[in-house]
Amino acid sequence: MDIRCPCCHSQFNLEHVTEDEALREMMALLADLPRDVSRPLVAYVGLFRGKTRATAYERQLRLSREALALASDTSLVGAAMSETVEAIRAKRETGQDTRPLKNHNYLKSVLVSLGARAEASQAMAGVEGQPPQRPAKGVMRALQALDQGRQS
């Protein structure tokens, strides 16, 4: 099956893409993620690419797994990656820093910032007379089990 590259319009065979193990795993990883996480992940991994060389598929897969492992909430990671990509691209457009990323430290700081903002908004919602969000069902079950253990 032949497909056409949307960027350069060259044609290549899909069978060639599936021959590389790391690329196949990367495609499976992206397919399992919601769109609001997969698209920012692709853009974020692109920040590690140099000007003249493509990033190896093995490195792209490793970077993706590391980024997704930074928080258990993939939506939060997706939002943090979006903010990171926007900020780095803005810096690059002004010529401030054109070097590729070397680690996830910037993303980690954005994650901390987003987490703090989420906590602050929940606290403000409670202050404004709205009850804070209910705990997850798993947390509720654990609390009920503790209560039952105390009553026994």
C-alpha atoms as a PDB file:
ATOM      1  CA  MET A   1       0.000   0.000   0.000  1.00  0.00           C
ATOM      2  CA  ASP A   2       1.504   3.299  -1.101  1.00  0.00           C
ATOM      3  CA  ILE A   3       0.992   6.483   0.882  1.00  0.00           C
ATOM      4  CA  ARG A   4       1.994  10.075   0.173  1.00  0.00           C
ATOM      5  CA  CYS A   5       3.898  12.276   2.619  1.00  0.00           C
ATOM      6  CA  PRO A   6       1.766  15.327   3.494  1.00  0.00           C
ATOM      7  CA  CYS A   7       4.882  17.515   3.745  1.00  0.00           C
ATOM      8  CA  CYS A   8       7.047  16.678   0.742  1.00  0.00           C
ATOM      9  CA  HIS A   9       4.465  14.709  -1.272  1.00  0.00           C
ATOM     10  CA  SER A  10       6.862  11.857  -1.929  1.00  0.00           C
ATOM     11  CA  GLN A  11       5.345   8.423  -2.193  1.00  0.00           C
ATOM     12  CA  PHE A  12       6.461   5.451  -0.092  1.00  0.00           C
ATOM     13  CA  ASN A  13       5.236   2.020   0.826  1.00  0.00           C
ATOM     14  CA  LEU A  14       3.496   1.500   4.167  1.00  0.00           C
ATOM     15  CA  GLU A  15       5.212  -1.884   4.499  1.00  0.00           C
ATOM     16  CA  HIS A  16       8.549  -0.075   4.864  1.00  0.00           C
ATOM     17  CA  VAL A  17       7.210   1.907   7.796  1.00  0.00           C
ATOM     18  CA  THR A  18       6.083  -1.216   9.642  1.00  0.00           C
ATOM     19  CA  GLU A  19       9.483  -2.901   9.309  1.00  0.00           C
ATOM     20  CA  ASP A  20      11.089  -0.718  11.986  1.00  0.00           C
ATOM     21  CA  GLU A  21      10.215  -2.030  15.462  1.00  0.00           C
ATOM     22  CA  ALA A  22      10.612   1.313  17.279  1.00  0.00           C
ATOM     23  CA  LEU A  23       8.515   3.155  14.698  1.00  0.00           C
ATOM     24  CA  ARG A  24       5.814   0.488  14.918  1.00  0.00           C
ATOM     25  CA  GLU A  25       5.762   0.817  18.733  1.00  0.00           C
ATOM     26  CA  MET A  26       5.643   4.606  18.452  1.00  0.00           C
ATOM     27  CA  MET A  27       2.661   4.447  16.103  1.00  0.00           C
ATOM     28  CA  ALA A  28       0.872   2.043  18.475  1.00  0.00           C
ATOM     29  CA  LEU A  29       1.585   4.359  21.411  1.00  0.00           C
ATOM     30  CA  LEU A  30       0.170   7.353  19.527  1.00  0.00           C
ATOM     31  CA  ALA A  31      -2.875   5.392  18.379  1.00  0.00           C
ATOM     32  CA  ASP A  32      -3.756   4.485  21.990  1.00  0.00           C
ATOM     33  CA  LEU A  33      -3.650   8.097  23.188  1.00  0.00           C
ATOM     34  CA  PRO A  34      -6.475  10.623  22.886  1.00  0.00           C
ATOM     35  CA  ARG A  35      -5.959  13.268  20.218  1.00  0.00           C
ATOM     36  CA  ASP A  36      -5.433  16.050  22.785  1.00  0.00           C
ATOM     37  CA  VAL A  37      -2.385  14.122  24.032  1.00  0.00           C
ATOM     38  CA  SER A  38      -1.011  12.478  20.876  1.00  0.00           C
ATOM     39  CA  ARG A  39      -0.742  15.675  18.824  1.00  0.00           C
ATOM     40  CA  PRO A  40       1.143  17.634  21.526  1.00  0.00           C
ATOM     41  CA  LEU A  41       3.367  14.587  22.101  1.00  0.00           C
ATOM     42  CA  VAL A  42       4.443  14.524  18.456  1.00  0.00           C
ATOM     43  CA  ALA A  43       5.147  18.268  18.524  1.00  0.00           C
ATOM     44  CA  TYR A  44       7.004  17.958  21.847  1.00  0.00           C
ATOM     45  CA  VAL A  45       9.260  15.148  20.612  1.00  0.00           C
ATOM     46  CA  GLY A  46       9.995  17.335  17.572  1.00  0.00           C
ATOM     47  CA  LEU A  47      11.588  19.894  19.915  1.00  0.00           C
ATOM     48  CA  PHE A  48      14.442  17.406  20.461  1.00  0.00           C
ATOM     49  CA  ARG A  49      15.292  17.309  16.726  1.00  0.00           C
ATOM     50  CA  GLY A  50      18.358  19.134  15.513  1.00  0.00           C
ATOM     51  CA  LYS A  51      18.375  21.421  12.494  1.00  0.00           C
ATOM     52  CA  THR A  52      20.145  19.026  10.165  1.00  0.00           C
ATOM     53  CA  ARG A  53      19.319  15.534  11.458  1.00  0.00           C
ATOM     54  CA  ALA A  54      16.175  13.584  12.129  1.00  0.00           C
ATOM     55  CA  THR A  55      15.738  12.024  15.556  1.00  0.00           C
ATOM     56  CA  ALA A  56      16.140   8.237  15.586  1.00  0.00           C
ATOM     57  CA  TYR A  57      12.904   6.304  16.087  1.00  0.00           C
ATOM     58  CA  GLU A  58      14.312   4.603  19.178  1.00  0.00           C
ATOM     59  CA  ARG A  59      14.996   7.990  20.773  1.00  0.00           C
ATOM     60  CA  GLN A  60      11.558   9.304  19.800  1.00  0.00           C
ATOM     61  CA  LEU A  61       9.948   6.283  21.452  1.00  0.00           C
ATOM     62  CA  ARG A  62      12.081   6.648  24.600  1.00  0.00           C
ATOM     63  CA  LEU A  63      11.356  10.388  24.852  1.00  0.00           C
ATOM     64  CA  SER A  64       7.630   9.760  24.405  1.00  0.00           C
ATOM     65  CA  ARG A  65       7.522   7.122  27.118  1.00  0.00           C
ATOM     66  CA  GLU A  66       9.535   9.307  29.490  1.00  0.00           C
ATOM     67  CA  ALA A  67       7.276  12.311  28.916  1.00  0.00           C
ATOM     68  CA  LEU A  68       4.090  10.303  29.437  1.00  0.00           C
ATOM     69  CA  ALA A  69       5.517   8.768  32.617  1.00  0.00           C
ATOM     70  CA  LEU A  70       5.978  12.191  34.254  1.00  0.00           C
ATOM     71  CA  ALA A  71       2.374  12.198  35.513  1.00  0.00           C
ATOM     72  CA  SER A  72      -0.362   9.617  35.825  1.00  0.00           C
ATOM     73  CA  ASP A  73      -2.916  11.979  34.268  1.00  0.00           C
ATOM     74  CA  THR A  74      -2.218  11.902  30.522  1.00  0.00           C
ATOM     75  CA  SER A  75      -4.512  14.887  29.938  1.00  0.00           C
ATOM     76  CA  LEU A  76      -2.346  16.970  32.266  1.00  0.00           C
ATOM     77  CA  VAL A  77       0.781  15.813  30.425  1.00  0.00           C
ATOM     78  CA  GLY A  78      -0.856  16.696  27.098  1.00  0.00           C
ATOM     79  CA  ALA A  79      -1.721  20.185  28.309  1.00  0.00           C
ATOM     80  CA  ALA A  80       1.808  20.654  29.670  1.00  0.00           C
ATOM     81  CA  MET A  81       3.329  19.501  26.385  1.00  0.00           C
ATOM     82  CA  SER A  82       1.118  21.971  24.485  1.00  0.00           C
ATOM     83  CA  GLU A  83       2.266  24.842  26.698  1.00  0.00           C
ATOM     84  CA  THR A  84       5.889  23.736  26.400  1.00  0.00           C
ATOM     85  CA  VAL A  85       5.738  23.548  22.601  1.00  0.00           C
ATOM     86  CA  GLU A  86       4.099  26.979  22.355  1.00  0.00           C
ATOM     87  CA  ALA A  87       6.662  28.567  24.673  1.00  0.00           C
ATOM     88  CA  ILE A  88       9.696  26.995  22.992  1.00  0.00           C
ATOM     89  CA  ARG A  89       8.420  27.866  19.506  1.00  0.00           C
ATOM     90  CA  ALA A  90       7.824  31.464  20.596  1.00  0.00           C
ATOM     91  CA  LYS A  91      11.404  31.659  21.895  1.00  0.00           C
ATOM     92  CA  ARG A  92      12.735  30.203  18.672  1.00  0.00           C
ATOM     93  CA  GLU A  93      10.760  32.660  16.551  1.00  0.00           C
ATOM     94  CA  THR A  94      12.341  35.573  18.408  1.00  0.00           C
ATOM     95  CA  GLY A  95      15.761  33.964  18.010  1.00  0.00           C
ATOM     96  CA  GLN A  96      16.356  33.614  21.744  1.00  0.00           C
ATOM     97  CA  ASP A  97      17.163  29.902  21.773  1.00  0.00           C
ATOM     98  CA  THR A  98      17.303  27.660  18.730  1.00  0.00           C
ATOM     99  CA  ARG A  99      19.000  24.642  20.298  1.00  0.00           C
ATOM    100  CA  PRO A 100      17.060  21.365  20.524  1.00  0.00           C
ATOM    101  CA  LEU A 101      15.881  20.235  23.933  1.00  0.00           C
ATOM    102  CA  LYS A 102      18.182  17.829  25.764  1.00  0.00           C
ATOM    103  CA  ASN A 103      15.947  16.728  28.667  1.00  0.00           C
ATOM    104  CA  HIS A 104      12.446  17.043  30.108  1.00  0.00           C
ATOM    105  CA  ASN A 105      13.232  19.706  32.732  1.00  0.00           C
ATOM    106  CA  TYR A 106      11.180  22.438  31.020  1.00  0.00           C
ATOM    107  CA  LEU A 107       8.208  20.078  30.704  1.00  0.00           C
ATOM    108  CA  LYS A 108       8.568  19.119  34.371  1.00  0.00           C
ATOM    109  CA  SER A 109       8.408  22.766  35.444  1.00  0.00           C
ATOM    110  CA  VAL A 110       5.308  23.326  33.285  1.00  0.00           C
ATOM    111  CA  LEU A 111       3.694  20.233  34.835  1.00  0.00           C
ATOM    112  CA  VAL A 112       4.337  21.594  38.325  1.00  0.00           C
ATOM    113  CA  SER A 113       2.888  24.950  37.295  1.00  0.00           C
ATOM    114  CA  LEU A 114      -0.234  23.358  35.788  1.00  0.00           C
ATOM    115  CA  GLY A 115      -0.711  21.177  38.866  1.00  0.00           C
ATOM    116  CA  ALA A 116      -0.478  24.206  41.132  1.00  0.00           C
ATOM    117  CA  ARG A 117      -2.971  26.105  38.970  1.00  0.00           C
ATOM    118  CA  ALA A 118      -5.404  23.168  39.052  1.00  0.00           C
ATOM    119  CA  GLU A 119      -5.157  22.942  42.853  1.00  0.00           C
ATOM    120  CA  ALA A 120      -5.675  26.691  43.195  1.00  0.00           C
ATOM    121  CA  SER A 121      -8.751  26.640  40.968  1.00  0.00           C
ATOM    122  CA  GLN A 122     -10.239  23.762  42.972  1.00  0.00           C
ATOM    123  CA  ALA A 123      -9.564  25.611  46.198  1.00  0.00           C
ATOM    124  CA  MET A 124     -11.163  28.760  44.790  1.00  0.00           C
ATOM    125  CA  ALA A 125     -14.200  26.768  43.686  1.00  0.00           C
ATOM    126  CA  GLY A 126     -14.630  25.577  47.284  1.00  0.00           C
ATOM    127  CA  VAL A 127     -14.227  29.117  48.613  1.00  0.00           C
ATOM    128  CA  GLU A 128     -16.849  30.516  46.250  1.00  0.00           C
ATOM    129  CA  GLY A 129     -19.498  28.295  47.814  1.00  0.00           C
ATOM    130  CA  GLN A 130     -19.199  25.420  45.394  1.00  0.00           C
ATOM    131  CA  PRO A 131     -18.269  22.099  46.932  1.00  0.00           C
ATOM    132  CA  PRO A 132     -14.869  20.763  45.876  1.00  0.00           C
ATOM    133  CA  GLN A 133     -14.838  17.932  43.365  1.00  0.00           C
ATOM    134  CA  ARG A 134     -15.744  14.506  44.710  1.00  0.00           C
ATOM    135  CA  PRO A 135     -12.927  11.998  45.088  1.00  0.00           C
ATOM    136  CA  ALA A 136     -12.629   9.231  42.516  1.00  0.00           C
ATOM    137  CA  LYS A 137     -14.623   6.015  42.997  1.00  0.00           C
ATOM    138  CA  GLY A 138     -11.497   4.061  43.929  1.00  0.00           C
ATOM    139  CA  VAL A 139     -10.698   6.543  46.684  1.00  0.00           C
ATOM    140  CA  MET A 140     -14.280   6.370  47.937  1.00  0.00           C
ATOM    141  CA  ARG A 141     -14.140   2.559  48.070  1.00  0.00           C
ATOM    142  CA  ALA A 142     -10.882   2.675  50.002  1.00  0.00           C
ATOM    143  CA  LEU A 143     -12.365   5.142  52.503  1.00  0.00           C
ATOM    144  CA  GLN A 144     -15.463   2.955  52.912  1.00  0.00           C
ATOM    145  CA  ALA A 145     -13.267  -0.091  53.517  1.00  0.00           C
ATOM    146  CA  LEU A 146     -11.343   1.822  56.183  1.00  0.00           C
ATOM    147  CA  ASP A 147     -14.603   2.891  57.846  1.00  0.00           C
ATOM    148  CA  GLN A 148     -15.867  -0.696  57.836  1.00  0.00           C
ATOM    149  CA  GLY A 149     -12.591  -1.860  59.364  1.00  0.00           C
ATOM    150  CA  ARG A 150     -12.921   0.696  62.173  1.00  0.00           C
ATOM    151  CA  GLN A 151     -16.504  -0.318  62.896  1.00  0.00           C
ATOM    152  CA  SER A 152     -15.616  -4.023  63.219  1.00  0.00           C
END
